[in-house]
């Protein structure tokens, strides 16, 4: 059975390959949040960016 990637996995891979686009993406998601106040969508998008930039990773 073929395993499909989630949208978050796809976005994470894309931004790892194109980190120069993260700032524009952040601007866009905050503009969308200002229009629709969808905090769930905002947090999901921020979570993707945080994972790409290594937030939450611990050094052991």
C-alpha atoms as a PDB file:
ATOM      1  CA  UNK A   1       0.000   0.000   0.000  1.00  0.00           C
ATOM      2  CA  UNK A   2       1.326   3.426  -0.951  1.00  0.00           C
ATOM      3  CA  UNK A   3       1.764   5.936   1.854  1.00  0.00           C
ATOM      4  CA  UNK A   4       0.763   9.463   0.940  1.00  0.00           C
ATOM      5  CA  UNK A   5       2.378  12.528   2.498  1.00  0.00           C
ATOM      6  CA  UNK A   6       0.353  14.979   4.504  1.00  0.00           C
ATOM      7  CA  UNK A   7       0.118  18.635   3.513  1.00  0.00           C
ATOM      8  CA  UNK A   8       2.354  19.507   6.489  1.00  0.00           C
ATOM      9  CA  UNK A   9       5.005  17.036   5.305  1.00  0.00           C
ATOM     10  CA  UNK A  10       4.831  18.454   1.791  1.00  0.00           C
ATOM     11  CA  UNK A  11       5.128  22.056   3.024  1.00  0.00           C
ATOM     12  CA  UNK A  12       7.995  21.151   5.349  1.00  0.00           C
ATOM     13  CA  UNK A  13       9.939  19.516   2.525  1.00  0.00           C
ATOM     14  CA  UNK A  14       9.270  22.488   0.244  1.00  0.00           C
ATOM     15  CA  UNK A  15      10.532  25.050   2.765  1.00  0.00           C
ATOM     16  CA  UNK A  16      13.615  22.967   3.541  1.00  0.00           C
ATOM     17  CA  UNK A  17      14.447  23.202  -0.161  1.00  0.00           C
ATOM     18  CA  UNK A  18      13.390  26.877  -0.446  1.00  0.00           C
ATOM     19  CA  UNK A  19      14.166  28.587   2.890  1.00  0.00           C
ATOM     20  CA  UNK A  20      14.318  31.981   1.165  1.00  0.00           C
ATOM     21  CA  UNK A  21      10.527  31.817   0.781  1.00  0.00           C
ATOM     22  CA  UNK A  22       9.729  31.461   4.495  1.00  0.00           C
ATOM     23  CA  UNK A  23       9.490  35.214   5.168  1.00  0.00           C
ATOM     24  CA  UNK A  24       6.969  35.714   2.367  1.00  0.00           C
ATOM     25  CA  UNK A  25       5.008  32.708   3.632  1.00  0.00           C
ATOM     26  CA  UNK A  26       4.899  34.166   7.148  1.00  0.00           C
ATOM     27  CA  UNK A  27       3.667  37.490   5.795  1.00  0.00           C
ATOM     28  CA  UNK A  28       0.927  35.698   3.872  1.00  0.00           C
ATOM     29  CA  UNK A  29      -0.287  33.551   6.774  1.00  0.00           C
ATOM     30  CA  UNK A  30      -0.495  36.567   9.095  1.00  0.00           C
ATOM     31  CA  UNK A  31      -2.420  38.535   6.453  1.00  0.00           C
ATOM     32  CA  UNK A  32      -4.855  35.638   6.110  1.00  0.00           C
ATOM     33  CA  UNK A  33      -5.204  35.454   9.879  1.00  0.00           C
ATOM     34  CA  UNK A  34      -5.984  39.187  10.010  1.00  0.00           C
ATOM     35  CA  UNK A  35      -8.826  38.579   7.546  1.00  0.00           C
ATOM     36  CA  UNK A  36     -10.376  35.393   8.900  1.00  0.00           C
ATOM     37  CA  UNK A  37      -9.099  35.014  12.500  1.00  0.00           C
ATOM     38  CA  UNK A  38      -8.560  31.287  11.948  1.00  0.00           C
ATOM     39  CA  UNK A  39      -6.101  30.617  14.760  1.00  0.00           C
ATOM     40  CA  UNK A  40      -5.985  26.888  13.968  1.00  0.00           C
ATOM     41  CA  UNK A  41      -4.735  27.519  10.444  1.00  0.00           C
ATOM     42  CA  UNK A  42      -2.230  30.095  11.707  1.00  0.00           C
ATOM     43  CA  UNK A  43      -0.848  27.741  14.344  1.00  0.00           C
ATOM     44  CA  UNK A  44      -0.613  24.839  11.897  1.00  0.00           C
ATOM     45  CA  UNK A  45       1.374  26.990   9.478  1.00  0.00           C
ATOM     46  CA  UNK A  46       3.640  28.294  12.236  1.00  0.00           C
ATOM     47  CA  UNK A  47       4.227  24.719  13.373  1.00  0.00           C
ATOM     48  CA  UNK A  48       5.517  23.803   9.909  1.00  0.00           C
ATOM     49  CA  UNK A  49       7.886  26.787   9.881  1.00  0.00           C
ATOM     50  CA  UNK A  50       9.107  26.000  13.392  1.00  0.00           C
ATOM     51  CA  UNK A  51       9.903  22.414  12.411  1.00  0.00           C
ATOM     52  CA  UNK A  52      11.763  23.537   9.286  1.00  0.00           C
ATOM     53  CA  UNK A  53      13.857  25.967  11.315  1.00  0.00           C
ATOM     54  CA  UNK A  54      14.587  23.388  14.003  1.00  0.00           C
ATOM     55  CA  UNK A  55      12.582  24.901  16.859  1.00  0.00           C
ATOM     56  CA  UNK A  56      12.098  22.481  19.684  1.00  0.00           C
ATOM     57  CA  UNK A  57      15.050  20.288  18.816  1.00  0.00           C
ATOM     58  CA  UNK A  58      17.223  19.490  21.772  1.00  0.00           C
ATOM     59  CA  UNK A  59      20.890  18.767  21.872  1.00  0.00           C
ATOM     60  CA  UNK A  60      21.754  15.749  23.951  1.00  0.00           C
END
